[in-house]
Amino acid sequence: EVQLVESGGGLVQAGGSLRLSCAGSGFTFDEYAIGWFRQGPGKEREGVACISSHDAETYYADSVKGRFTMSSDNAKNTVYLQMNSLKSEDAATYYCAVTPYHCGKVVGAGITLRDYVDYWGKGTLVTVSS
């Protein structure tokens, strides 16, 4: 059974930083692309970052480029999302998920994610105070 467990969310002031973690089990980590997604109140879920299993290259949505950094530790079956310079618009529930597709299919807004994402974690809440 595939399981993805996110952690690290919390309350942070605008301009601050958080580091999210996602521990996966039940699948071979390096056979999938793994992404971070977020869904704010009243908004569609969007892909913000993704790491490719093929070449470990990372992909970012324009809204987070230069502020968020995704990394992975395959030995620990864990991926991370370092979020710096947080803004109020970054407030959301953050999910990690696995996809057999290329990261380019899932990063960005306006994507029908159910077409590309197989498994989701339960999410971790990030709140940004101004």
N, C-alpha and C. Protein backbone atom coordinates (compact mmCIF):
# COMPACT_ATOMS: atom_id res chain seq x y z
N GLU A 1 0.84 -1.19 0.00
CA GLU A 1 0.00 0.00 0.00
C GLU A 1 0.88 1.25 0.00
N VAL A 2 0.59 2.14 -0.93
CA VAL A 2 1.35 3.38 -1.00
C VAL A 2 0.88 4.32 0.12
N GLN A 3 1.85 4.86 0.83
CA GLN A 3 1.55 5.85 1.85
C GLN A 3 2.49 7.04 1.70
N LEU A 4 1.95 8.21 1.87
CA LEU A 4 2.72 9.45 1.84
C LEU A 4 2.30 10.26 3.05
N VAL A 5 3.26 10.65 3.86
CA VAL A 5 2.96 11.37 5.09
C VAL A 5 3.74 12.67 5.11
N GLU A 6 3.00 13.76 5.06
CA GLU A 6 3.61 15.09 5.09
C GLU A 6 3.74 15.58 6.53
N SER A 7 4.75 16.41 6.75
CA SER A 7 4.92 17.05 8.05
C SER A 7 5.67 18.36 7.86
N GLY A 8 5.67 19.17 8.90
CA GLY A 8 6.45 20.40 8.88
C GLY A 8 5.65 21.67 8.70
N GLY A 9 4.35 21.54 8.48
CA GLY A 9 3.54 22.74 8.33
C GLY A 9 3.39 23.47 9.65
N GLY A 10 2.86 24.67 9.57
CA GLY A 10 2.66 25.45 10.79
C GLY A 10 2.39 26.89 10.46
N LEU A 11 2.48 27.72 11.49
CA LEU A 11 2.24 29.15 11.36
C LEU A 11 3.58 29.87 11.26
N VAL A 12 3.69 30.73 10.28
CA VAL A 12 4.93 31.47 10.07
C VAL A 12 4.57 32.89 9.65
N GLN A 13 5.41 33.83 10.01
CA GLN A 13 5.20 35.20 9.57
C GLN A 13 5.61 35.37 8.12
N ALA A 14 4.98 36.31 7.46
CA ALA A 14 5.39 36.63 6.10
C ALA A 14 6.88 36.96 6.09
N GLY A 15 7.57 36.42 5.10
CA GLY A 15 9.01 36.60 5.01
C GLY A 15 9.80 35.49 5.68
N GLY A 16 9.11 34.65 6.42
CA GLY A 16 9.76 33.56 7.13
C GLY A 16 9.93 32.32 6.27
N SER A 17 10.38 31.25 6.93
CA SER A 17 10.69 30.00 6.23
C SER A 17 10.08 28.80 6.94
N LEU A 18 9.81 27.78 6.17
CA LEU A 18 9.38 26.48 6.69
C LEU A 18 9.99 25.41 5.82
N ARG A 19 10.18 24.24 6.41
CA ARG A 19 10.65 23.09 5.65
C ARG A 19 9.65 21.95 5.81
N LEU A 20 9.08 21.55 4.72
CA LEU A 20 8.13 20.45 4.73
C LEU A 20 8.85 19.15 4.38
N SER A 21 8.37 18.06 4.94
CA SER A 21 8.89 16.73 4.64
C SER A 21 7.75 15.83 4.19
N CYS A 22 8.09 14.89 3.35
CA CYS A 22 7.12 13.88 2.91
C CYS A 22 7.82 12.53 2.90
N ALA A 23 7.37 11.65 3.76
CA ALA A 23 7.93 10.31 3.84
C ALA A 23 7.02 9.34 3.09
N GLY A 24 7.62 8.62 2.18
CA GLY A 24 6.83 7.69 1.37
C GLY A 24 7.17 6.25 1.66
N SER A 25 6.19 5.38 1.43
CA SER A 25 6.42 3.95 1.57
C SER A 25 5.46 3.21 0.64
N GLY A 26 5.79 1.95 0.38
CA GLY A 26 4.92 1.13 -0.44
C GLY A 26 5.15 1.25 -1.93
N PHE A 27 6.17 1.96 -2.31
CA PHE A 27 6.50 2.07 -3.74
C PHE A 27 8.00 2.29 -3.85
N THR A 28 8.49 2.08 -5.04
CA THR A 28 9.92 2.28 -5.30
C THR A 28 10.14 3.74 -5.62
N PHE A 29 10.81 4.41 -4.71
CA PHE A 29 10.90 5.87 -4.74
C PHE A 29 11.42 6.39 -6.06
N ASP A 30 12.44 5.75 -6.58
CA ASP A 30 13.09 6.33 -7.76
C ASP A 30 12.43 5.90 -9.07
N GLU A 31 11.26 5.30 -9.00
CA GLU A 31 10.53 4.95 -10.22
C GLU A 31 9.40 5.93 -10.52
N TYR A 32 9.24 6.92 -9.67
CA TYR A 32 8.17 7.90 -9.85
C TYR A 32 8.74 9.31 -9.79
N ALA A 33 8.00 10.22 -10.34
CA ALA A 33 8.23 11.62 -10.03
C ALA A 33 7.39 11.94 -8.80
N ILE A 34 7.92 12.78 -7.96
CA ILE A 34 7.21 13.13 -6.73
C ILE A 34 7.06 14.64 -6.68
N GLY A 35 5.87 15.07 -6.38
CA GLY A 35 5.59 16.50 -6.42
C GLY A 35 5.02 17.02 -5.12
N TRP A 36 5.15 18.33 -4.95
CA TRP A 36 4.47 19.07 -3.89
C TRP A 36 3.37 19.89 -4.53
N PHE A 37 2.22 19.84 -3.93
CA PHE A 37 1.05 20.53 -4.43
C PHE A 37 0.44 21.32 -3.28
N ARG A 38 -0.36 22.31 -3.62
CA ARG A 38 -1.01 23.07 -2.55
C ARG A 38 -2.41 23.46 -2.98
N GLN A 39 -3.23 23.64 -1.98
CA GLN A 39 -4.60 24.07 -2.22
C GLN A 39 -4.99 25.06 -1.13
N GLY A 40 -5.17 26.29 -1.54
CA GLY A 40 -5.61 27.33 -0.62
C GLY A 40 -7.12 27.39 -0.57
N PRO A 41 -7.66 28.11 0.40
CA PRO A 41 -9.12 28.22 0.54
C PRO A 41 -9.77 28.75 -0.73
N GLY A 42 -10.71 28.01 -1.25
CA GLY A 42 -11.43 28.44 -2.44
C GLY A 42 -10.64 28.36 -3.74
N LYS A 43 -9.49 27.72 -3.67
CA LYS A 43 -8.65 27.64 -4.87
C LYS A 43 -8.52 26.20 -5.36
N GLU A 44 -8.14 26.07 -6.62
CA GLU A 44 -7.85 24.76 -7.16
C GLU A 44 -6.49 24.27 -6.65
N ARG A 45 -6.34 22.96 -6.58
CA ARG A 45 -5.05 22.42 -6.20
C ARG A 45 -4.08 22.62 -7.35
N GLU A 46 -2.85 23.03 -7.01
CA GLU A 46 -1.86 23.29 -8.05
C GLU A 46 -0.52 22.66 -7.67
N GLY A 47 0.22 22.29 -8.67
CA GLY A 47 1.55 21.75 -8.44
C GLY A 47 2.56 22.87 -8.31
N VAL A 48 3.34 22.85 -7.24
CA VAL A 48 4.32 23.90 -7.03
C VAL A 48 5.75 23.45 -7.25
N ALA A 49 6.02 22.16 -7.06
CA ALA A 49 7.38 21.67 -7.24
C ALA A 49 7.33 20.18 -7.51
N CYS A 50 8.34 19.71 -8.21
CA CYS A 50 8.36 18.29 -8.55
C CYS A 50 9.81 17.88 -8.79
N ILE A 51 10.11 16.64 -8.43
CA ILE A 51 11.44 16.12 -8.69
C ILE A 51 11.32 14.88 -9.54
N SER A 52 12.13 14.84 -10.56
CA SER A 52 12.07 13.76 -11.52
C SER A 52 12.85 12.55 -11.02
N SER A 53 12.25 11.37 -11.12
CA SER A 53 12.96 10.16 -10.70
C SER A 53 14.07 9.82 -11.68
N HIS A 54 13.92 10.26 -12.91
CA HIS A 54 14.87 9.88 -13.95
C HIS A 54 16.21 10.57 -13.75
N ASP A 55 16.17 11.88 -13.52
CA ASP A 55 17.44 12.62 -13.47
C ASP A 55 17.56 13.53 -12.27
N ALA A 56 16.62 13.40 -11.34
CA ALA A 56 16.62 14.22 -10.11
C ALA A 56 16.51 15.70 -10.41
N GLU A 57 16.10 16.05 -11.60
CA GLU A 57 15.91 17.46 -11.91
C GLU A 57 14.63 17.95 -11.24
N THR A 58 14.67 19.20 -10.81
CA THR A 58 13.51 19.76 -10.13
C THR A 58 12.79 20.77 -11.02
N TYR A 59 11.52 20.88 -10.81
CA TYR A 59 10.66 21.77 -11.59
C TYR A 59 9.82 22.58 -10.60
N TYR A 60 9.62 23.84 -10.94
CA TYR A 60 8.90 24.73 -10.03
C TYR A 60 7.87 25.55 -10.78
N ALA A 61 6.77 25.81 -10.10
CA ALA A 61 5.81 26.76 -10.64
C ALA A 61 6.42 28.15 -10.58
N ASP A 62 6.03 29.00 -11.50
CA ASP A 62 6.58 30.36 -11.56
C ASP A 62 6.35 31.11 -10.25
N SER A 63 5.26 30.81 -9.59
CA SER A 63 4.90 31.54 -8.37
C SER A 63 5.85 31.26 -7.20
N VAL A 64 6.65 30.20 -7.29
CA VAL A 64 7.54 29.86 -6.17
C VAL A 64 9.01 29.82 -6.57
N LYS A 65 9.29 29.99 -7.84
CA LYS A 65 10.69 29.94 -8.30
C LYS A 65 11.54 30.97 -7.55
N GLY A 66 12.70 30.51 -7.14
CA GLY A 66 13.61 31.38 -6.42
C GLY A 66 13.35 31.44 -4.93
N ARG A 67 12.21 30.93 -4.49
CA ARG A 67 11.87 30.95 -3.06
C ARG A 67 11.77 29.54 -2.47
N PHE A 68 11.31 28.59 -3.26
CA PHE A 68 11.13 27.21 -2.79
C PHE A 68 12.20 26.33 -3.41
N THR A 69 12.65 25.36 -2.63
CA THR A 69 13.62 24.39 -3.12
C THR A 69 13.17 23.00 -2.71
N MET A 70 13.07 22.13 -3.69
CA MET A 70 12.69 20.74 -3.41
C MET A 70 13.93 19.86 -3.49
N SER A 71 13.99 18.90 -2.58
CA SER A 71 15.11 17.95 -2.59
C SER A 71 14.58 16.59 -2.18
N SER A 72 15.42 15.58 -2.39
CA SER A 72 15.00 14.23 -2.03
C SER A 72 16.15 13.47 -1.39
N ASP A 73 15.79 12.55 -0.55
CA ASP A 73 16.74 11.62 0.03
C ASP A 73 16.17 10.23 -0.23
N ASN A 74 16.60 9.62 -1.34
CA ASN A 74 16.02 8.34 -1.73
C ASN A 74 16.31 7.24 -0.71
N ALA A 75 17.42 7.35 -0.01
CA ALA A 75 17.75 6.35 1.00
C ALA A 75 16.72 6.36 2.14
N LYS A 76 16.13 7.53 2.37
CA LYS A 76 15.13 7.66 3.42
C LYS A 76 13.71 7.69 2.86
N ASN A 77 13.59 7.56 1.55
CA ASN A 77 12.28 7.66 0.90
C ASN A 77 11.55 8.93 1.32
N THR A 78 12.26 10.01 1.32
CA THR A 78 11.71 11.28 1.80
C THR A 78 12.05 12.41 0.85
N VAL A 79 11.09 13.27 0.62
CA VAL A 79 11.35 14.49 -0.12
C VAL A 79 11.06 15.68 0.79
N TYR A 80 11.66 16.79 0.44
CA TYR A 80 11.56 17.99 1.26
C TYR A 80 11.18 19.17 0.39
N LEU A 81 10.57 20.15 1.02
CA LEU A 81 10.29 21.41 0.35
C LEU A 81 10.71 22.53 1.29
N GLN A 82 11.81 23.17 0.97
CA GLN A 82 12.27 24.32 1.73
C GLN A 82 11.59 25.55 1.17
N MET A 83 10.85 26.24 2.01
CA MET A 83 10.08 27.40 1.57
C MET A 83 10.62 28.63 2.28
N ASN A 84 11.15 29.55 1.51
CA ASN A 84 11.70 30.79 2.04
C ASN A 84 10.89 31.97 1.54
N SER A 85 11.07 33.10 2.21
CA SER A 85 10.39 34.34 1.81
C SER A 85 8.90 34.11 1.60
N LEU A 86 8.29 33.47 2.57
CA LEU A 86 6.88 33.12 2.44
C LEU A 86 5.99 34.34 2.37
N LYS A 87 4.97 34.23 1.55
CA LYS A 87 4.01 35.30 1.34
C LYS A 87 2.63 34.82 1.80
N SER A 88 1.74 35.75 1.97
CA SER A 88 0.38 35.39 2.40
C SER A 88 -0.28 34.46 1.38
N GLU A 89 0.04 34.65 0.12
CA GLU A 89 -0.57 33.80 -0.91
C GLU A 89 -0.02 32.38 -0.93
N ASP A 90 1.02 32.11 -0.15
CA ASP A 90 1.53 30.75 -0.03
C ASP A 90 0.75 29.93 0.99
N ALA A 91 -0.10 30.58 1.75
CA ALA A 91 -0.89 29.87 2.76
C ALA A 91 -1.81 28.86 2.07
N ALA A 92 -1.72 27.60 2.50
CA ALA A 92 -2.48 26.53 1.86
C ALA A 92 -2.20 25.24 2.60
N THR A 93 -2.96 24.22 2.25
CA THR A 93 -2.60 22.87 2.65
C THR A 93 -1.69 22.32 1.57
N TYR A 94 -0.55 21.81 2.00
CA TYR A 94 0.45 21.29 1.07
C TYR A 94 0.41 19.77 1.09
N TYR A 95 0.39 19.20 -0.09
CA TYR A 95 0.32 17.75 -0.26
C TYR A 95 1.53 17.28 -1.07
N CYS A 96 1.98 16.08 -0.78
CA CYS A 96 2.91 15.45 -1.71
C CYS A 96 2.16 14.33 -2.41
N ALA A 97 2.65 13.99 -3.57
CA ALA A 97 1.99 12.99 -4.38
C ALA A 97 2.99 12.38 -5.35
N VAL A 98 2.67 11.19 -5.82
CA VAL A 98 3.53 10.52 -6.80
C VAL A 98 2.80 10.43 -8.13
N THR A 99 3.58 10.51 -9.17
CA THR A 99 3.04 10.43 -10.52
C THR A 99 3.99 9.65 -11.40
N PRO A 100 3.44 8.82 -12.29
CA PRO A 100 4.30 8.13 -13.24
C PRO A 100 4.65 9.00 -14.44
N TYR A 101 4.10 10.21 -14.46
CA TYR A 101 4.33 11.10 -15.58
C TYR A 101 5.50 12.03 -15.31
N HIS A 102 5.93 12.71 -16.35
CA HIS A 102 7.00 13.69 -16.22
C HIS A 102 6.52 14.86 -15.38
N CYS A 103 7.43 15.44 -14.64
CA CYS A 103 7.08 16.57 -13.77
C CYS A 103 6.40 17.70 -14.52
N GLY A 104 6.74 17.88 -15.77
CA GLY A 104 6.14 18.95 -16.53
C GLY A 104 4.64 18.83 -16.68
N LYS A 105 4.11 17.62 -16.45
CA LYS A 105 2.67 17.41 -16.57
C LYS A 105 1.90 17.91 -15.35
N VAL A 106 2.59 18.08 -14.22
CA VAL A 106 1.86 18.34 -12.98
C VAL A 106 2.21 19.66 -12.30
N VAL A 107 3.23 20.35 -12.78
CA VAL A 107 3.63 21.60 -12.13
C VAL A 107 2.96 22.78 -12.80
N GLY A 108 2.35 23.63 -11.99
CA GLY A 108 1.66 24.80 -12.51
C GLY A 108 0.19 24.74 -12.17
N ALA A 109 -0.50 25.77 -12.57
CA ALA A 109 -1.93 25.88 -12.27
C ALA A 109 -2.75 25.41 -13.47
N GLY A 110 -4.02 25.15 -13.22
CA GLY A 110 -4.92 24.82 -14.31
C GLY A 110 -4.77 23.42 -14.87
N ILE A 111 -4.18 22.53 -14.10
CA ILE A 111 -3.97 21.15 -14.56
C ILE A 111 -4.99 20.24 -13.90
N THR A 112 -5.56 19.34 -14.66
CA THR A 112 -6.49 18.35 -14.10
C THR A 112 -5.65 17.25 -13.48
N LEU A 113 -5.33 17.43 -12.21
CA LEU A 113 -4.33 16.58 -11.57
C LEU A 113 -4.77 15.12 -11.48
N ARG A 114 -6.06 14.87 -11.41
CA ARG A 114 -6.50 13.48 -11.28
C ARG A 114 -6.11 12.66 -12.50
N ASP A 115 -5.81 13.33 -13.60
CA ASP A 115 -5.37 12.62 -14.81
C ASP A 115 -3.92 12.15 -14.70
N TYR A 116 -3.17 12.72 -13.74
CA TYR A 116 -1.74 12.46 -13.72
C TYR A 116 -1.22 11.93 -12.39
N VAL A 117 -1.96 12.13 -11.34
CA VAL A 117 -1.45 11.79 -10.01
C VAL A 117 -2.14 10.54 -9.49
N ASP A 118 -1.30 9.60 -9.04
CA ASP A 118 -1.83 8.33 -8.56
C ASP A 118 -2.17 8.33 -7.07
N TYR A 119 -1.26 8.87 -6.28
CA TYR A 119 -1.42 8.77 -4.83
C TYR A 119 -1.14 10.11 -4.19
N TRP A 120 -1.93 10.42 -3.18
CA TRP A 120 -1.81 11.68 -2.43
C TRP A 120 -1.58 11.40 -0.95
N GLY A 121 -0.82 12.32 -0.32
CA GLY A 121 -0.78 12.31 1.14
C GLY A 121 -1.98 13.07 1.66
N LYS A 122 -2.08 13.18 2.98
CA LYS A 122 -3.23 13.85 3.61
C LYS A 122 -3.01 15.34 3.77
N GLY A 123 -1.80 15.78 3.60
CA GLY A 123 -1.53 17.20 3.61
C GLY A 123 -1.04 17.75 4.93
N THR A 124 -0.39 18.90 4.86
CA THR A 124 0.05 19.63 6.05
C THR A 124 -0.26 21.10 5.81
N LEU A 125 -0.79 21.76 6.83
CA LEU A 125 -1.28 23.12 6.68
C LEU A 125 -0.19 24.14 6.93
N VAL A 126 -0.07 25.07 6.02
CA VAL A 126 0.85 26.19 6.16
C VAL A 126 0.03 27.47 6.27
N THR A 127 0.23 28.19 7.35
CA THR A 127 -0.46 29.45 7.58
C THR A 127 0.58 30.56 7.62
N VAL A 128 0.34 31.62 6.87
CA VAL A 128 1.28 32.73 6.80
C VAL A 128 0.59 33.97 7.34
N SER A 129 1.15 34.54 8.39
CA SER A 129 0.56 35.74 8.98
C SER A 129 1.29 36.97 8.45
N SER A 130 0.52 38.02 8.25
CA SER A 130 1.12 39.25 7.71
C SER A 130 1.46 40.24 8.80
